[in-house]
C-alpha atoms as a PDB file:
ATOM      1  CA  MET A   1     113.556 -32.820  -9.251  1.00  0.00           C
ATOM      2  CA  ILE A   2     110.814 -31.664  -6.574  1.00  0.00           C
ATOM      3  CA  PRO A   3     108.398 -28.935  -7.481  1.00  0.00           C
ATOM      4  CA  ILE A   4     108.076 -26.069  -4.965  1.00  0.00           C
ATOM      5  CA  LYS A   5     104.729 -24.059  -4.851  1.00  0.00           C
ATOM      6  CA  LEU A   6     104.742 -20.373  -4.526  1.00  0.00           C
ATOM      7  CA  THR A   7     101.728 -18.930  -2.562  1.00  0.00           C
ATOM      8  CA  GLN A   8     100.665 -15.513  -1.586  1.00  0.00           C
ATOM      9  CA  VAL A   9     101.323 -14.562   2.082  1.00  0.00           C
ATOM     10  CA  GLY A  10      99.979 -11.043   2.956  1.00  0.00           C
ATOM     11  CA  ASN A  11     102.022  -8.861   0.650  1.00  0.00           C
ATOM     12  CA  SER A  12     104.693 -11.351   0.041  1.00  0.00           C
ATOM     13  CA  VAL A  13     105.192 -14.520  -1.636  1.00  0.00           C
ATOM     14  CA  GLY A  14     106.040 -17.726   0.444  1.00  0.00           C
ATOM     15  CA  ALA A  15     107.253 -21.149  -0.807  1.00  0.00           C
ATOM     16  CA  VAL A  16     105.432 -24.574   0.263  1.00  0.00           C
ATOM     17  CA  PHE A  17     108.011 -27.271   0.559  1.00  0.00           C
ATOM     18  CA  PRO A  18     107.010 -30.948   0.449  1.00  0.00           C
ATOM     19  CA  LYS A  19     108.365 -33.131   3.425  1.00  0.00           C
ATOM     20  CA  GLU A  20     110.836 -34.816   0.958  1.00  0.00           C
ATOM     21  CA  ALA A  21     112.367 -31.434   0.208  1.00  0.00           C
ATOM     22  CA  LEU A  22     112.679 -30.442   3.827  1.00  0.00           C
ATOM     23  CA  HIS A  23     114.083 -33.883   4.642  1.00  0.00           C
ATOM     24  CA  GLU A  24     116.720 -33.669   1.783  1.00  0.00           C
ATOM     25  CA  LEU A  25     117.485 -29.867   2.902  1.00  0.00           C
ATOM     26  CA  GLY A  26     117.918 -30.973   6.441  1.00  0.00           C
ATOM     27  CA  VAL A  27     115.521 -28.221   7.509  1.00  0.00           C
ATOM     28  CA  GLN A  28     112.335 -27.974   9.315  1.00  0.00           C
ATOM     29  CA  LYS A  29     109.645 -25.655  10.146  1.00  0.00           C
ATOM     30  CA  GLY A  30     111.126 -22.499  11.604  1.00  0.00           C
ATOM     31  CA  ASP A  31     114.622 -22.694  10.163  1.00  0.00           C
ATOM     32  CA  THR A  32     115.983 -20.210   7.843  1.00  0.00           C
ATOM     33  CA  PRO A  33     117.740 -21.836   4.475  1.00  0.00           C
ATOM     34  CA  TYR A  34     119.693 -19.612   2.387  1.00  0.00           C
ATOM     35  CA  LEU A  35     119.383 -18.993  -1.509  1.00  0.00           C
ATOM     36  CA  THR A  36     123.123 -18.461  -2.906  1.00  0.00           C
ATOM     37  CA  ARG A  37     124.360 -18.122  -6.403  1.00  0.00           C
ATOM     38  CA  GLY A  38     126.935 -20.991  -7.088  1.00  0.00           C
ATOM     39  CA  PRO A  39     130.080 -20.323  -9.365  1.00  0.00           C
ATOM     40  CA  ASP A  40     128.085 -21.653 -12.312  1.00  0.00           C
ATOM     41  CA  GLY A  41     125.573 -18.912 -11.921  1.00  0.00           C
ATOM     42  CA  ALA A  42     122.841 -21.482 -10.640  1.00  0.00           C
ATOM     43  CA  MET A  43     120.788 -20.575  -7.637  1.00  0.00           C
ATOM     44  CA  ARG A  44     120.990 -22.876  -4.754  1.00  0.00           C
ATOM     45  CA  LEU A  45     119.079 -23.479  -1.567  1.00  0.00           C
ATOM     46  CA  SER A  46     120.708 -24.762   1.486  1.00  0.00           C
ATOM     47  CA  ALA A  47     120.463 -24.989   5.194  1.00  0.00           C
ATOM     48  CA  TYR A  48     122.267 -22.666   7.216  1.00  0.00           C
ATOM     49  CA  ASN A  49     125.828 -23.891   8.338  1.00  0.00           C
ATOM     50  CA  ASP A  50     127.434 -22.268  11.154  1.00  0.00           C
ATOM     51  CA  ALA A  51     130.884 -23.509  10.085  1.00  0.00           C
ATOM     52  CA  VAL A  52     130.563 -22.293   6.502  1.00  0.00           C
ATOM     53  CA  GLN A  53     129.380 -18.786   8.111  1.00  0.00           C
ATOM     54  CA  ARG A  54     132.552 -18.634  10.177  1.00  0.00           C
ATOM     55  CA  GLN A  55     134.648 -19.304   7.004  1.00  0.00           C
ATOM     56  CA  ILE A  56     133.002 -16.605   5.254  1.00  0.00           C
ATOM     57  CA  ASP A  57     133.362 -14.153   7.954  1.00  0.00           C
ATOM     58  CA  MET A  58     136.973 -14.984   8.049  1.00  0.00           C
ATOM     59  CA  GLY A  59     137.449 -14.521   4.412  1.00  0.00           C
ATOM     60  CA  GLN A  60     135.603 -11.401   4.474  1.00  0.00           C
ATOM     61  CA  GLY A  61     137.920 -10.253   7.196  1.00  0.00           C
ATOM     62  CA  LEU A  62     141.096 -10.984   5.141  1.00  0.00           C
ATOM     63  CA  MET A  63     139.749  -9.305   2.273  1.00  0.00           C
ATOM     64  CA  ASP A  64     138.863  -6.144   4.169  1.00  0.00           C
ATOM     65  CA  GLU A  65     142.269  -6.222   6.059  1.00  0.00           C
ATOM     66  CA  HIS A  66     144.244  -6.677   2.611  1.00  0.00           C
ATOM     67  CA  ARG A  67     141.799  -4.706   0.293  1.00  0.00           C
ATOM     68  CA  ASP A  68     144.844  -3.128  -1.368  1.00  0.00           C
ATOM     69  CA  VAL A  69     146.547  -6.245  -2.231  1.00  0.00           C
ATOM     70  CA  PHE A  70     143.466  -7.791  -3.765  1.00  0.00           C
ATOM     71  CA  ARG A  71     142.914  -4.542  -5.976  1.00  0.00           C
ATOM     72  CA  ALA A  72     146.644  -4.885  -7.184  1.00  0.00           C
ATOM     73  CA  LEU A  73     145.891  -8.538  -7.942  1.00  0.00           C
ATOM     74  CA  ALA A  74     142.727  -7.645  -9.705  1.00  0.00           C
ATOM     75  CA  LYS A  75     144.467  -5.474 -12.465  1.00  0.00           C
END
């Protein structure tokens, strides 16, 4: 477990990550990591992954294209 310190940055709150955490996440200063909710409800922080984003976009397109089918299946 790696502690992350929250600090005031103007009117916002920023997070200070130790070098070890940055290395484990595969990010560096200036990168934008993403906070997502996993299937178990836990929050997860991960680096941006272009391949994953393309898959998400494709899935969203399929859901938009076949909205009626998904509504029928959800009943």
